[in-house]
Amino acid sequence: MQFSKIEVKQLHKTYHVPQREAGFKASVRSLFRPIYQDVPAVKPLDFVIESGEMVALIGPNGAGKTTTLKMLTGLLHPSGGDINIFGFNPSERKPAFLRSISMVLGNKSQMLWDIPPLDSFFVLAEIYSIPKEEAVSRINELVEMLEMREILKKPVRNLSLGERMKCELVASLLHRPKVLFLDEPTLGLDINIQNRLRHFILEYNHRYGATVLLTSHYMADIERLCSRVLLIHHGELLYDGQLSGLNQMIEPIKMIRVTLSQQNGVNPKPDWLPASAEIVSQEKQHLHLRVAQKEAAACTAALLHNLPVADLIVEDPPLETVIDRIYQDGDL
C-alpha cells in the first residue's frame, strides 16, 4: 500500500517531571524518595496533511508546537498514538525515512563555522550518497534560487544571519526531501531577507511538490505560505482549517478605514452609525472603525452619506489581532 500523506491519530506526549521543595533536607529526600508529576505537553491530536500541502502549526509559547515537530521527525518518542509519514513510523528512525525529511530550525545551525558553506554542502552530499555531478547540479540550482553565489567561499563565521539561513536551507534541501519541517525559519531576519526566504520556500514547494509544515510567530510567514492552519493551545488542537476561517470562528467583524476630503470632527458615537459600529481611532482626516460583518454594508453607506469621503477601505481585522484573542481566551 502506498502512502502519500502525513497521518496523526491520538498523538500525545506527557513528561514525567521531578518535583521537590527548596532546601537541603528536600534535596536529600528527593534522592531516596523522588516525587514526580505528570505534565501533559501535547494532548491527543488528530490531523492529516496531504502530499504537497503547506500547513502552519501555530500557538503561543509552550503550546506544544516544537514537541509535536520533534515527535513527527522521530526526535522524541510519543507517550501514545500513531504517526504515519509517507508509510514510515518516525520513531523507528529508518534511513529511508530520514532521507525523505528535513528540519530547519531558525535558532540552530548545522554549518561548520570555520569552513565555507560549499565545503559543507559537498560533505552532506557524500552523507546522502548523492553522485558528484548530481550534487553540483542541485547546489547550483538552490544557489541560483536563493541568489547566494557570492557567499559560497566565505567562512560561515563571517556571514550575516540572513546569509547563514540561506545556507541552512541549501543544506537541508540538498537531498530533496519529501517533507520539510520549518521551525521559525525567519527568526531574527530583516524584512528583505524574510521576503526572499518566503518566496524561495513557495518556489521550492511548487517545483518539487514538497510537503511543508511550518511553525512561526511571524503572521506574515503564515499568510504568505499557508492557507491552512493547525492551532494548538495548552497542547490541545483548537482549530484545523483555512486561515481565512479563523476570524469567522472568533467574531465576524470588518475594519473600515476612511479618508475624508477635508478635516471633519466626528462624534465618538454618532447616531447615524449602526449599533455595532465603533470608532477605533480618529486623527485629522482619517477614521478607523470596527463593525460587525453583517452591518458592514450599512455602515459604509452611512459613512458615504454623512461624511465627505475621499477614500474608503473595508478589510478583515489583522491576523495578529485574531490570534492574540484566541491565545488570551484559550479556546474558540
C-alpha atoms as a PDB file:
ATOM      1  CA  MET A   1       0.000   0.000   0.000  1.00  0.00           C
ATOM      2  CA  GLN A   2       1.382   3.413  -0.994  1.00  0.00           C
ATOM      3  CA  PHE A   3       1.185   6.292   1.475  1.00  0.00           C
ATOM      4  CA  SER A   4       1.388   9.894   0.269  1.00  0.00           C
ATOM      5  CA  LYS A   5       0.340  11.838   3.322  1.00  0.00           C
ATOM      6  CA  ILE A   6       1.065  12.587   6.980  1.00  0.00           C
ATOM      7  CA  GLU A   7      -1.474  10.914   9.270  1.00  0.00           C
ATOM      8  CA  VAL A   8      -1.596  11.559  13.004  1.00  0.00           C
ATOM      9  CA  LYS A   9      -4.011   9.725  15.298  1.00  0.00           C
ATOM     10  CA  GLN A  10      -4.382  10.359  19.044  1.00  0.00           C
ATOM     11  CA  LEU A  11      -0.765  11.563  19.259  1.00  0.00           C
ATOM     12  CA  HIS A  12       0.162  12.773  22.736  1.00  0.00           C
ATOM     13  CA  LYS A  13       3.190  13.398  24.929  1.00  0.00           C
ATOM     14  CA  THR A  14       3.403  13.537  28.739  1.00  0.00           C
ATOM     15  CA  TYR A  15       6.604  14.416  30.599  1.00  0.00           C
ATOM     16  CA  HIS A  16       7.445  12.772  33.927  1.00  0.00           C
ATOM     17  CA  VAL A  17       8.890  15.790  35.773  1.00  0.00           C
ATOM     18  CA  PRO A  18      10.704  15.530  39.152  1.00  0.00           C
ATOM     19  CA  GLN A  19       9.363  17.831  41.888  1.00  0.00           C
ATOM     20  CA  ARG A  20      10.949  18.970  45.143  1.00  0.00           C
ATOM     21  CA  GLU A  21      10.741  21.822  47.614  1.00  0.00           C
ATOM     22  CA  ALA A  22      13.585  24.232  48.320  1.00  0.00           C
ATOM     23  CA  GLY A  23      16.173  23.467  50.972  1.00  0.00           C
ATOM     24  CA  PHE A  24      18.878  20.919  51.827  1.00  0.00           C
ATOM     25  CA  LYS A  25      16.540  18.407  53.510  1.00  0.00           C
ATOM     26  CA  ALA A  26      14.242  18.363  50.497  1.00  0.00           C
ATOM     27  CA  SER A  27      17.260  17.789  48.233  1.00  0.00           C
ATOM     28  CA  VAL A  28      18.407  14.781  50.270  1.00  0.00           C
ATOM     29  CA  ARG A  29      14.849  13.413  50.485  1.00  0.00           C
ATOM     30  CA  SER A  30      14.460  13.651  46.725  1.00  0.00           C
ATOM     31  CA  LEU A  31      17.485  11.346  46.257  1.00  0.00           C
ATOM     32  CA  PHE A  32      15.767   8.476  48.069  1.00  0.00           C
ATOM     33  CA  ARG A  33      12.082   9.223  47.611  1.00  0.00           C
ATOM     34  CA  PRO A  34      11.735  11.283  44.448  1.00  0.00           C
ATOM     35  CA  ILE A  35       8.354  12.752  43.687  1.00  0.00           C
ATOM     36  CA  TYR A  36       7.241  13.082  40.076  1.00  0.00           C
ATOM     37  CA  GLN A  37       4.451  14.959  38.405  1.00  0.00           C
ATOM     38  CA  ASP A  38       2.970  14.112  35.014  1.00  0.00           C
ATOM     39  CA  VAL A  39       2.877  17.216  32.786  1.00  0.00           C
ATOM     40  CA  PRO A  40       0.943  16.831  29.524  1.00  0.00           C
ATOM     41  CA  ALA A  41       2.846  18.692  26.800  1.00  0.00           C
ATOM     42  CA  VAL A  42       0.654  17.526  23.913  1.00  0.00           C
ATOM     43  CA  LYS A  43      -2.877  16.193  24.318  1.00  0.00           C
ATOM     44  CA  PRO A  44      -4.310  13.704  21.791  1.00  0.00           C
ATOM     45  CA  LEU A  45      -4.013  15.182  18.292  1.00  0.00           C
ATOM     46  CA  ASP A  46      -5.664  14.002  15.086  1.00  0.00           C
ATOM     47  CA  PHE A  47      -4.912  15.507  11.676  1.00  0.00           C
ATOM     48  CA  VAL A  48      -3.999  14.603   8.109  1.00  0.00           C
ATOM     49  CA  ILE A  49      -1.698  16.561   5.782  1.00  0.00           C
ATOM     50  CA  GLU A  50      -1.833  15.647   2.105  1.00  0.00           C
ATOM     51  CA  SER A  51       1.236  15.387  -0.109  1.00  0.00           C
ATOM     52  CA  GLY A  52       2.359  18.814  -1.337  1.00  0.00           C
ATOM     53  CA  GLU A  53       0.325  20.764   1.241  1.00  0.00           C
ATOM     54  CA  MET A  54       1.824  23.724   3.091  1.00  0.00           C
ATOM     55  CA  VAL A  55       0.364  23.863   6.598  1.00  0.00           C
ATOM     56  CA  ALA A  56       1.109  26.161   9.543  1.00  0.00           C
ATOM     57  CA  LEU A  57       1.271  24.815  13.095  1.00  0.00           C
ATOM     58  CA  ILE A  58       0.618  27.809  15.348  1.00  0.00           C
ATOM     59  CA  GLY A  59       0.124  28.502  19.030  1.00  0.00           C
ATOM     60  CA  PRO A  60       1.612  30.567  21.885  1.00  0.00           C
ATOM     61  CA  ASN A  61       4.923  29.734  23.550  1.00  0.00           C
ATOM     62  CA  GLY A  62       4.628  26.454  25.429  1.00  0.00           C
ATOM     63  CA  ALA A  63       1.619  25.282  23.402  1.00  0.00           C
ATOM     64  CA  GLY A  64       3.388  22.101  22.259  1.00  0.00           C
ATOM     65  CA  LYS A  65       4.421  23.065  18.715  1.00  0.00           C
ATOM     66  CA  THR A  66       8.094  22.099  18.916  1.00  0.00           C
ATOM     67  CA  THR A  67       7.271  18.934  20.887  1.00  0.00           C
ATOM     68  CA  THR A  68       4.870  17.945  18.105  1.00  0.00           C
ATOM     69  CA  LEU A  69       7.501  18.609  15.427  1.00  0.00           C
ATOM     70  CA  LYS A  70      10.061  16.543  17.319  1.00  0.00           C
ATOM     71  CA  MET A  71       7.655  13.605  17.531  1.00  0.00           C
ATOM     72  CA  LEU A  72       6.894  13.888  13.810  1.00  0.00           C
ATOM     73  CA  THR A  73      10.604  13.768  12.994  1.00  0.00           C
ATOM     74  CA  GLY A  74      11.374  10.940  15.411  1.00  0.00           C
ATOM     75  CA  LEU A  75      13.492  13.049  17.764  1.00  0.00           C
ATOM     76  CA  LEU A  76      11.012  12.373  20.584  1.00  0.00           C
ATOM     77  CA  HIS A  77       9.054   9.206  21.286  1.00  0.00           C
ATOM     78  CA  PRO A  78       5.356   9.930  21.863  1.00  0.00           C
ATOM     79  CA  SER A  79       3.617   8.730  25.017  1.00  0.00           C
ATOM     80  CA  GLY A  80       0.914   7.277  22.791  1.00  0.00           C
ATOM     81  CA  GLY A  81      -0.847   7.499  19.468  1.00  0.00           C
ATOM     82  CA  ASP A  82       0.174   6.760  15.886  1.00  0.00           C
ATOM     83  CA  ILE A  83       2.160   8.685  13.272  1.00  0.00           C
ATOM     84  CA  ASN A  84       2.421   7.625   9.647  1.00  0.00           C
ATOM     85  CA  ILE A  85       4.565   9.810   7.392  1.00  0.00           C
ATOM     86  CA  PHE A  86       4.596   8.548   3.824  1.00  0.00           C
ATOM     87  CA  GLY A  87       4.430   4.981   5.128  1.00  0.00           C
ATOM     88  CA  PHE A  88       7.061   5.387   7.870  1.00  0.00           C
ATOM     89  CA  ASN A  89       6.858   5.400  11.656  1.00  0.00           C
ATOM     90  CA  PRO A  90       9.199   8.268  12.685  1.00  0.00           C
ATOM     91  CA  SER A  91      10.130   6.607  15.994  1.00  0.00           C
ATOM     92  CA  GLU A  92      11.881   3.800  14.098  1.00  0.00           C
ATOM     93  CA  ARG A  93      14.275   6.343  12.518  1.00  0.00           C
ATOM     94  CA  LYS A  94      14.813   4.193   9.424  1.00  0.00           C
ATOM     95  CA  PRO A  95      17.434   5.542   6.965  1.00  0.00           C
ATOM     96  CA  ALA A  96      14.847   5.716   4.177  1.00  0.00           C
ATOM     97  CA  PHE A  97      12.628   7.871   6.398  1.00  0.00           C
ATOM     98  CA  LEU A  98      15.477  10.181   7.387  1.00  0.00           C
ATOM     99  CA  ARG A  99      16.337  10.677   3.711  1.00  0.00           C
ATOM    100  CA  SER A 100      12.744  11.692   2.999  1.00  0.00           C
ATOM    101  CA  ILE A 101      12.509  14.504   5.579  1.00  0.00           C
ATOM    102  CA  SER A 102      14.384  17.612   6.617  1.00  0.00           C
ATOM    103  CA  MET A 103      14.040  20.022   9.530  1.00  0.00           C
ATOM    104  CA  VAL A 104      15.169  23.664   9.570  1.00  0.00           C
ATOM    105  CA  LEU A 105      15.436  25.371  12.959  1.00  0.00           C
ATOM    106  CA  GLY A 106      15.662  29.158  12.938  1.00  0.00           C
ATOM    107  CA  ASN A 107      17.832  29.205  16.077  1.00  0.00           C
ATOM    108  CA  LYS A 108      20.074  26.216  15.259  1.00  0.00           C
ATOM    109  CA  SER A 109      22.886  25.719  12.759  1.00  0.00           C
ATOM    110  CA  GLN A 110      24.265  22.641  11.036  1.00  0.00           C
ATOM    111  CA  MET A 111      27.020  24.559   9.242  1.00  0.00           C
ATOM    112  CA  LEU A 112      30.680  24.345  10.322  1.00  0.00           C
ATOM    113  CA  TRP A 113      31.780  27.861  11.217  1.00  0.00           C
ATOM    114  CA  ASP A 114      35.419  27.674  10.120  1.00  0.00           C
ATOM    115  CA  ILE A 115      34.897  26.450   6.558  1.00  0.00           C
ATOM    116  CA  PRO A 116      32.988  27.853   3.570  1.00  0.00           C
ATOM    117  CA  PRO A 117      29.379  26.686   3.005  1.00  0.00           C
ATOM    118  CA  LEU A 118      30.339  24.995  -0.264  1.00  0.00           C
ATOM    119  CA  ASP A 119      32.571  22.522   1.586  1.00  0.00           C
ATOM    120  CA  SER A 120      29.739  21.636   3.984  1.00  0.00           C
ATOM    121  CA  PHE A 121      27.383  21.091   1.046  1.00  0.00           C
ATOM    122  CA  PHE A 122      29.729  18.551  -0.543  1.00  0.00           C
ATOM    123  CA  VAL A 123      30.167  16.762   2.796  1.00  0.00           C
ATOM    124  CA  LEU A 124      26.378  16.479   3.105  1.00  0.00           C
ATOM    125  CA  ALA A 125      26.181  15.211  -0.481  1.00  0.00           C
ATOM    126  CA  GLU A 126      28.544  12.388   0.485  1.00  0.00           C
ATOM    127  CA  ILE A 127      26.473  11.574   3.571  1.00  0.00           C
ATOM    128  CA  TYR A 128      23.329  11.303   1.433  1.00  0.00           C
ATOM    129  CA  SER A 129      25.196   9.340  -1.273  1.00  0.00           C
ATOM    130  CA  ILE A 130      24.459  11.935  -3.953  1.00  0.00           C
ATOM    131  CA  PRO A 131      26.736  11.496  -7.002  1.00  0.00           C
ATOM    132  CA  LYS A 132      29.218  14.349  -7.534  1.00  0.00           C
ATOM    133  CA  GLU A 133      27.693  15.647 -10.773  1.00  0.00           C
ATOM    134  CA  GLU A 134      24.177  15.496  -9.355  1.00  0.00           C
ATOM    135  CA  ALA A 135      25.330  17.267  -6.174  1.00  0.00           C
ATOM    136  CA  VAL A 136      26.909  20.082  -8.208  1.00  0.00           C
ATOM    137  CA  SER A 137      23.698  20.434 -10.239  1.00  0.00           C
ATOM    138  CA  ARG A 138      21.491  20.581  -7.123  1.00  0.00           C
ATOM    139  CA  ILE A 139      23.783  23.039  -5.344  1.00  0.00           C
ATOM    140  CA  ASN A 140      23.818  25.326  -8.384  1.00  0.00           C
ATOM    141  CA  GLU A 141      20.021  25.201  -8.662  1.00  0.00           C
ATOM    142  CA  LEU A 142      19.454  26.063  -4.982  1.00  0.00           C
ATOM    143  CA  VAL A 143      22.153  28.740  -5.023  1.00  0.00           C
ATOM    144  CA  GLU A 144      20.537  30.431  -8.020  1.00  0.00           C
ATOM    145  CA  MET A 145      17.089  30.267  -6.421  1.00  0.00           C
ATOM    146  CA  LEU A 146      18.447  31.914  -3.259  1.00  0.00           C
ATOM    147  CA  GLU A 147      20.811  34.354  -5.048  1.00  0.00           C
ATOM    148  CA  MET A 148      23.756  33.482  -2.796  1.00  0.00           C
ATOM    149  CA  ARG A 149      26.646  32.574  -5.100  1.00  0.00           C
ATOM    150  CA  GLU A 150      28.881  35.352  -3.754  1.00  0.00           C
ATOM    151  CA  ILE A 151      28.951  33.848  -0.227  1.00  0.00           C
ATOM    152  CA  LEU A 152      29.792  30.219  -1.090  1.00  0.00           C
ATOM    153  CA  LYS A 153      33.522  30.540  -0.425  1.00  0.00           C
ATOM    154  CA  LYS A 154      33.417  32.723   2.688  1.00  0.00           C
ATOM    155  CA  PRO A 155      33.847  31.107   6.118  1.00  0.00           C
ATOM    156  CA  VAL A 156      30.443  30.686   7.742  1.00  0.00           C
ATOM    157  CA  ARG A 157      31.520  32.722  10.782  1.00  0.00           C
ATOM    158  CA  ASN A 158      31.844  35.779   8.510  1.00  0.00           C
ATOM    159  CA  LEU A 159      28.288  35.534   7.162  1.00  0.00           C
ATOM    160  CA  SER A 160      25.283  37.515   8.339  1.00  0.00           C
ATOM    161  CA  LEU A 161      22.312  35.790   9.981  1.00  0.00           C
ATOM    162  CA  GLY A 162      20.325  36.007   6.753  1.00  0.00           C
ATOM    163  CA  GLU A 163      23.180  34.544   4.706  1.00  0.00           C
ATOM    164  CA  ARG A 164      23.582  31.683   7.180  1.00  0.00           C
ATOM    165  CA  MET A 165      19.871  30.905   6.969  1.00  0.00           C
ATOM    166  CA  LYS A 166      20.162  30.664   3.176  1.00  0.00           C
ATOM    167  CA  CYS A 167      22.972  28.161   3.679  1.00  0.00           C
ATOM    168  CA  GLU A 168      20.822  26.185   6.150  1.00  0.00           C
ATOM    169  CA  LEU A 169      18.098  25.877   3.524  1.00  0.00           C
ATOM    170  CA  VAL A 170      20.514  24.624   0.869  1.00  0.00           C
ATOM    171  CA  ALA A 171      21.980  22.100   3.316  1.00  0.00           C
ATOM    172  CA  SER A 172      18.505  20.904   4.317  1.00  0.00           C
ATOM    173  CA  LEU A 173      17.158  20.583   0.773  1.00  0.00           C
ATOM    174  CA  LEU A 174      20.175  19.125  -0.975  1.00  0.00           C
ATOM    175  CA  HIS A 175      18.749  15.584  -0.739  1.00  0.00           C
ATOM    176  CA  ARG A 176      15.312  16.808  -1.973  1.00  0.00           C
ATOM    177  CA  PRO A 177      13.186  15.688   0.987  1.00  0.00           C
ATOM    178  CA  LYS A 178       9.514  14.861   0.530  1.00  0.00           C
ATOM    179  CA  VAL A 179       8.629  16.541   3.835  1.00  0.00           C
ATOM    180  CA  LEU A 180      10.104  19.796   5.118  1.00  0.00           C
ATOM    181  CA  PHE A 181       9.630  20.851   8.744  1.00  0.00           C
ATOM    182  CA  LEU A 182      10.309  24.565   9.311  1.00  0.00           C
ATOM    183  CA  ASP A 183      10.572  25.806  12.899  1.00  0.00           C
ATOM    184  CA  GLU A 184      10.762  29.634  12.984  1.00  0.00           C
ATOM    185  CA  PRO A 185      12.755  29.839   9.704  1.00  0.00           C
ATOM    186  CA  THR A 186      12.724  33.673   9.563  1.00  0.00           C
ATOM    187  CA  LEU A 187      13.510  34.275  13.247  1.00  0.00           C
ATOM    188  CA  GLY A 188      15.570  37.442  13.700  1.00  0.00           C
ATOM    189  CA  LEU A 189      15.883  38.215   9.977  1.00  0.00           C
ATOM    190  CA  ASP A 190      15.248  41.616   8.408  1.00  0.00           C
ATOM    191  CA  ILE A 191      12.169  42.211   6.238  1.00  0.00           C
ATOM    192  CA  ASN A 192      14.048  41.899   2.940  1.00  0.00           C
ATOM    193  CA  ILE A 193      15.575  38.502   3.774  1.00  0.00           C
ATOM    194  CA  GLN A 194      12.273  37.258   5.221  1.00  0.00           C
ATOM    195  CA  ASN A 195      10.517  38.023   1.932  1.00  0.00           C
ATOM    196  CA  ARG A 196      13.241  36.290  -0.102  1.00  0.00           C
ATOM    197  CA  LEU A 197      13.098  33.156   2.012  1.00  0.00           C
ATOM    198  CA  ARG A 198       9.304  33.025   1.778  1.00  0.00           C
ATOM    199  CA  HIS A 199       9.495  33.336  -1.998  1.00  0.00           C
ATOM    200  CA  PHE A 200      12.103  30.571  -2.111  1.00  0.00           C
ATOM    201  CA  ILE A 201      10.025  28.185   0.021  1.00  0.00           C
ATOM    202  CA  LEU A 202       6.990  28.775  -2.194  1.00  0.00           C
ATOM    203  CA  GLU A 203       9.023  28.199  -5.348  1.00  0.00           C
ATOM    204  CA  TYR A 204      10.601  25.026  -3.951  1.00  0.00           C
ATOM    205  CA  ASN A 205       7.170  23.677  -2.983  1.00  0.00           C
ATOM    206  CA  HIS A 206       5.782  24.380  -6.465  1.00  0.00           C
ATOM    207  CA  ARG A 207       8.806  22.902  -8.215  1.00  0.00           C
ATOM    208  CA  TYR A 208       9.155  19.657  -6.234  1.00  0.00           C
ATOM    209  CA  GLY A 209       5.767  19.217  -4.524  1.00  0.00           C
ATOM    210  CA  ALA A 210       7.364  19.023  -1.075  1.00  0.00           C
ATOM    211  CA  THR A 211       5.015  18.823   1.906  1.00  0.00           C
ATOM    212  CA  VAL A 212       5.739  21.693   4.319  1.00  0.00           C
ATOM    213  CA  LEU A 213       4.807  22.003   7.995  1.00  0.00           C
ATOM    214  CA  LEU A 214       5.702  25.444   9.330  1.00  0.00           C
ATOM    215  CA  THR A 215       5.772  26.939  12.823  1.00  0.00           C
ATOM    216  CA  SER A 216       6.276  30.681  13.176  1.00  0.00           C
ATOM    217  CA  HIS A 217       5.317  33.604  15.379  1.00  0.00           C
ATOM    218  CA  TYR A 218       5.504  35.887  12.325  1.00  0.00           C
ATOM    219  CA  MET A 219       1.989  36.069  10.901  1.00  0.00           C
ATOM    220  CA  ALA A 220       3.478  37.269   7.592  1.00  0.00           C
ATOM    221  CA  ASP A 221       5.138  33.831   7.203  1.00  0.00           C
ATOM    222  CA  ILE A 222       1.827  32.086   7.713  1.00  0.00           C
ATOM    223  CA  GLU A 223      -0.251  34.395   5.497  1.00  0.00           C
ATOM    224  CA  ARG A 224       2.256  34.194   2.642  1.00  0.00           C
ATOM    225  CA  LEU A 225       2.985  30.471   2.744  1.00  0.00           C
ATOM    226  CA  CYS A 226      -0.001  28.605   4.178  1.00  0.00           C
ATOM    227  CA  SER A 227      -3.735  28.631   3.518  1.00  0.00           C
ATOM    228  CA  ARG A 228      -4.417  26.019   6.209  1.00  0.00           C
ATOM    229  CA  VAL A 229      -3.533  26.227   9.902  1.00  0.00           C
ATOM    230  CA  LEU A 230      -3.432  23.840  12.839  1.00  0.00           C
ATOM    231  CA  LEU A 231      -3.852  25.887  16.017  1.00  0.00           C
ATOM    232  CA  ILE A 232      -2.860  24.291  19.317  1.00  0.00           C
ATOM    233  CA  HIS A 233      -3.086  25.770  22.805  1.00  0.00           C
ATOM    234  CA  HIS A 234      -2.064  24.026  26.046  1.00  0.00           C
ATOM    235  CA  GLY A 235      -1.227  21.002  23.886  1.00  0.00           C
ATOM    236  CA  GLU A 236      -4.772  20.730  22.511  1.00  0.00           C
ATOM    237  CA  LEU A 237      -5.823  21.136  18.879  1.00  0.00           C
ATOM    238  CA  LEU A 238      -8.318  24.014  18.833  1.00  0.00           C
ATOM    239  CA  TYR A 239      -8.671  24.597  15.098  1.00  0.00           C
ATOM    240  CA  ASP A 240      -7.866  22.817  11.853  1.00  0.00           C
ATOM    241  CA  GLY A 241      -8.960  24.653   8.740  1.00  0.00           C
ATOM    242  CA  GLN A 242      -8.493  27.531   6.353  1.00  0.00           C
ATOM    243  CA  LEU A 243      -6.627  30.563   7.623  1.00  0.00           C
ATOM    244  CA  SER A 244      -9.470  32.800   6.434  1.00  0.00           C
ATOM    245  CA  GLY A 245     -11.906  30.932   8.684  1.00  0.00           C
ATOM    246  CA  LEU A 246     -10.242  31.876  11.961  1.00  0.00           C
ATOM    247  CA  ASN A 247     -11.840  35.318  12.117  1.00  0.00           C
ATOM    248  CA  GLN A 248     -15.288  33.841  11.438  1.00  0.00           C
ATOM    249  CA  MET A 249     -14.788  31.427  14.339  1.00  0.00           C
ATOM    250  CA  ILE A 250     -13.980  34.228  16.787  1.00  0.00           C
ATOM    251  CA  GLU A 251     -16.065  37.244  15.863  1.00  0.00           C
ATOM    252  CA  PRO A 252     -17.084  38.072  12.281  1.00  0.00           C
ATOM    253  CA  ILE A 253     -16.122  41.744  12.063  1.00  0.00           C
ATOM    254  CA  LYS A 254     -14.799  44.135   9.452  1.00  0.00           C
ATOM    255  CA  MET A 255     -12.417  47.047   9.771  1.00  0.00           C
ATOM    256  CA  ILE A 256     -13.227  50.220   7.802  1.00  0.00           C
ATOM    257  CA  ARG A 257     -10.589  52.853   7.046  1.00  0.00           C
ATOM    258  CA  VAL A 258     -11.880  56.216   5.859  1.00  0.00           C
ATOM    259  CA  THR A 259     -10.001  59.214   4.481  1.00  0.00           C
ATOM    260  CA  LEU A 260     -12.008  62.454   4.365  1.00  0.00           C
ATOM    261  CA  SER A 261     -11.634  65.132   1.712  1.00  0.00           C
ATOM    262  CA  GLN A 262     -11.475  67.740   4.472  1.00  0.00           C
ATOM    263  CA  GLN A 263     -10.806  67.723   8.198  1.00  0.00           C
ATOM    264  CA  ASN A 264     -14.114  66.948   9.843  1.00  0.00           C
ATOM    265  CA  GLY A 265     -14.653  66.066  13.503  1.00  0.00           C
ATOM    266  CA  VAL A 266     -16.886  63.073  14.160  1.00  0.00           C
ATOM    267  CA  ASN A 267     -18.588  62.321  17.458  1.00  0.00           C
ATOM    268  CA  PRO A 268     -17.267  59.175  19.176  1.00  0.00           C
ATOM    269  CA  LYS A 269     -20.706  57.539  18.736  1.00  0.00           C
ATOM    270  CA  PRO A 270     -22.778  59.297  16.052  1.00  0.00           C
ATOM    271  CA  ASP A 271     -26.415  58.187  15.970  1.00  0.00           C
ATOM    272  CA  TRP A 272     -26.343  57.586  12.216  1.00  0.00           C
ATOM    273  CA  LEU A 273     -23.872  54.674  12.520  1.00  0.00           C
ATOM    274  CA  PRO A 274     -25.128  51.069  13.013  1.00  0.00           C
ATOM    275  CA  ALA A 275     -25.296  49.880  16.615  1.00  0.00           C
ATOM    276  CA  SER A 276     -22.251  47.582  16.299  1.00  0.00           C
ATOM    277  CA  ALA A 277     -20.001  50.243  14.728  1.00  0.00           C
ATOM    278  CA  GLU A 278     -17.198  51.624  16.877  1.00  0.00           C
ATOM    279  CA  ILE A 279     -14.708  54.348  16.002  1.00  0.00           C
ATOM    280  CA  VAL A 280     -11.353  52.853  16.957  1.00  0.00           C
ATOM    281  CA  SER A 281      -9.250  55.917  16.163  1.00  0.00           C
ATOM    282  CA  GLN A 282      -9.682  59.376  14.663  1.00  0.00           C
ATOM    283  CA  GLU A 283      -6.854  61.628  13.535  1.00  0.00           C
ATOM    284  CA  LYS A 284      -7.301  64.702  11.364  1.00  0.00           C
ATOM    285  CA  GLN A 285      -8.819  63.411   8.107  1.00  0.00           C
ATOM    286  CA  HIS A 286      -8.539  59.703   8.925  1.00  0.00           C
ATOM    287  CA  LEU A 287     -11.073  57.420  10.651  1.00  0.00           C
ATOM    288  CA  HIS A 288     -10.649  53.792  11.656  1.00  0.00           C
ATOM    289  CA  LEU A 289     -13.823  51.863  12.532  1.00  0.00           C
ATOM    290  CA  ARG A 290     -14.760  48.351  13.641  1.00  0.00           C
ATOM    291  CA  VAL A 291     -18.188  46.940  12.767  1.00  0.00           C
ATOM    292  CA  ALA A 292     -19.982  43.583  12.756  1.00  0.00           C
ATOM    293  CA  GLN A 293     -19.662  41.922   9.366  1.00  0.00           C
ATOM    294  CA  LYS A 294     -23.435  41.778   8.864  1.00  0.00           C
ATOM    295  CA  GLU A 295     -23.641  45.573   9.294  1.00  0.00           C
ATOM    296  CA  ALA A 296     -20.585  46.497   7.223  1.00  0.00           C
ATOM    297  CA  ALA A 297     -22.622  47.440   4.136  1.00  0.00           C
ATOM    298  CA  ALA A 298     -24.974  49.653   6.164  1.00  0.00           C
ATOM    299  CA  CYS A 299     -22.010  51.279   7.924  1.00  0.00           C
ATOM    300  CA  THR A 300     -20.303  52.003   4.605  1.00  0.00           C
ATOM    301  CA  ALA A 301     -23.498  53.565   3.216  1.00  0.00           C
ATOM    302  CA  ALA A 302     -23.907  55.741   6.334  1.00  0.00           C
ATOM    303  CA  LEU A 303     -20.316  56.984   6.097  1.00  0.00           C
ATOM    304  CA  LEU A 304     -20.683  57.885   2.430  1.00  0.00           C
ATOM    305  CA  HIS A 305     -23.975  59.674   3.100  1.00  0.00           C
ATOM    306  CA  ASN A 306     -22.887  61.693   6.158  1.00  0.00           C
ATOM    307  CA  LEU A 307     -19.215  62.472   5.597  1.00  0.00           C
ATOM    308  CA  PRO A 308     -17.083  63.981   2.777  1.00  0.00           C
ATOM    309  CA  VAL A 309     -15.375  60.656   1.973  1.00  0.00           C
ATOM    310  CA  ALA A 310     -12.322  60.760  -0.304  1.00  0.00           C
ATOM    311  CA  ASP A 311     -11.336  57.103   0.161  1.00  0.00           C
ATOM    312  CA  LEU A 312     -12.816  54.104   1.949  1.00  0.00           C
ATOM    313  CA  ILE A 313     -11.370  50.620   2.529  1.00  0.00           C
ATOM    314  CA  VAL A 314     -13.196  47.639   4.053  1.00  0.00           C
ATOM    315  CA  GLU A 315     -10.939  44.818   5.253  1.00  0.00           C
ATOM    316  CA  ASP A 316     -10.686  41.890   7.646  1.00  0.00           C
ATOM    317  CA  PRO A 317      -9.072  42.533  11.046  1.00  0.00           C
ATOM    318  CA  PRO A 318      -5.312  41.881  11.220  1.00  0.00           C
ATOM    319  CA  LEU A 319      -4.497  38.216  11.736  1.00  0.00           C
ATOM    320  CA  GLU A 320      -2.327  39.157  14.733  1.00  0.00           C
ATOM    321  CA  THR A 321      -5.396  40.584  16.490  1.00  0.00           C
ATOM    322  CA  VAL A 322      -7.444  37.433  15.892  1.00  0.00           C
ATOM    323  CA  ILE A 323      -4.639  35.112  17.013  1.00  0.00           C
ATOM    324  CA  ASP A 324      -3.897  37.206  20.109  1.00  0.00           C
ATOM    325  CA  ARG A 325      -7.530  36.993  21.204  1.00  0.00           C
ATOM    326  CA  ILE A 326      -7.513  33.196  20.812  1.00  0.00           C
ATOM    327  CA  TYR A 327      -4.325  32.946  22.872  1.00  0.00           C
ATOM    328  CA  GLN A 328      -5.801  35.094  25.641  1.00  0.00           C
ATOM    329  CA  ASP A 329      -9.167  33.305  25.745  1.00  0.00           C
ATOM    330  CA  GLY A 330      -7.601  29.852  25.380  1.00  0.00           C
ATOM    331  CA  ASP A 331     -10.479  28.492  23.295  1.00  0.00           C
ATOM    332  CA  LEU A 332     -12.674  29.078  20.251  1.00  0.00           C
END
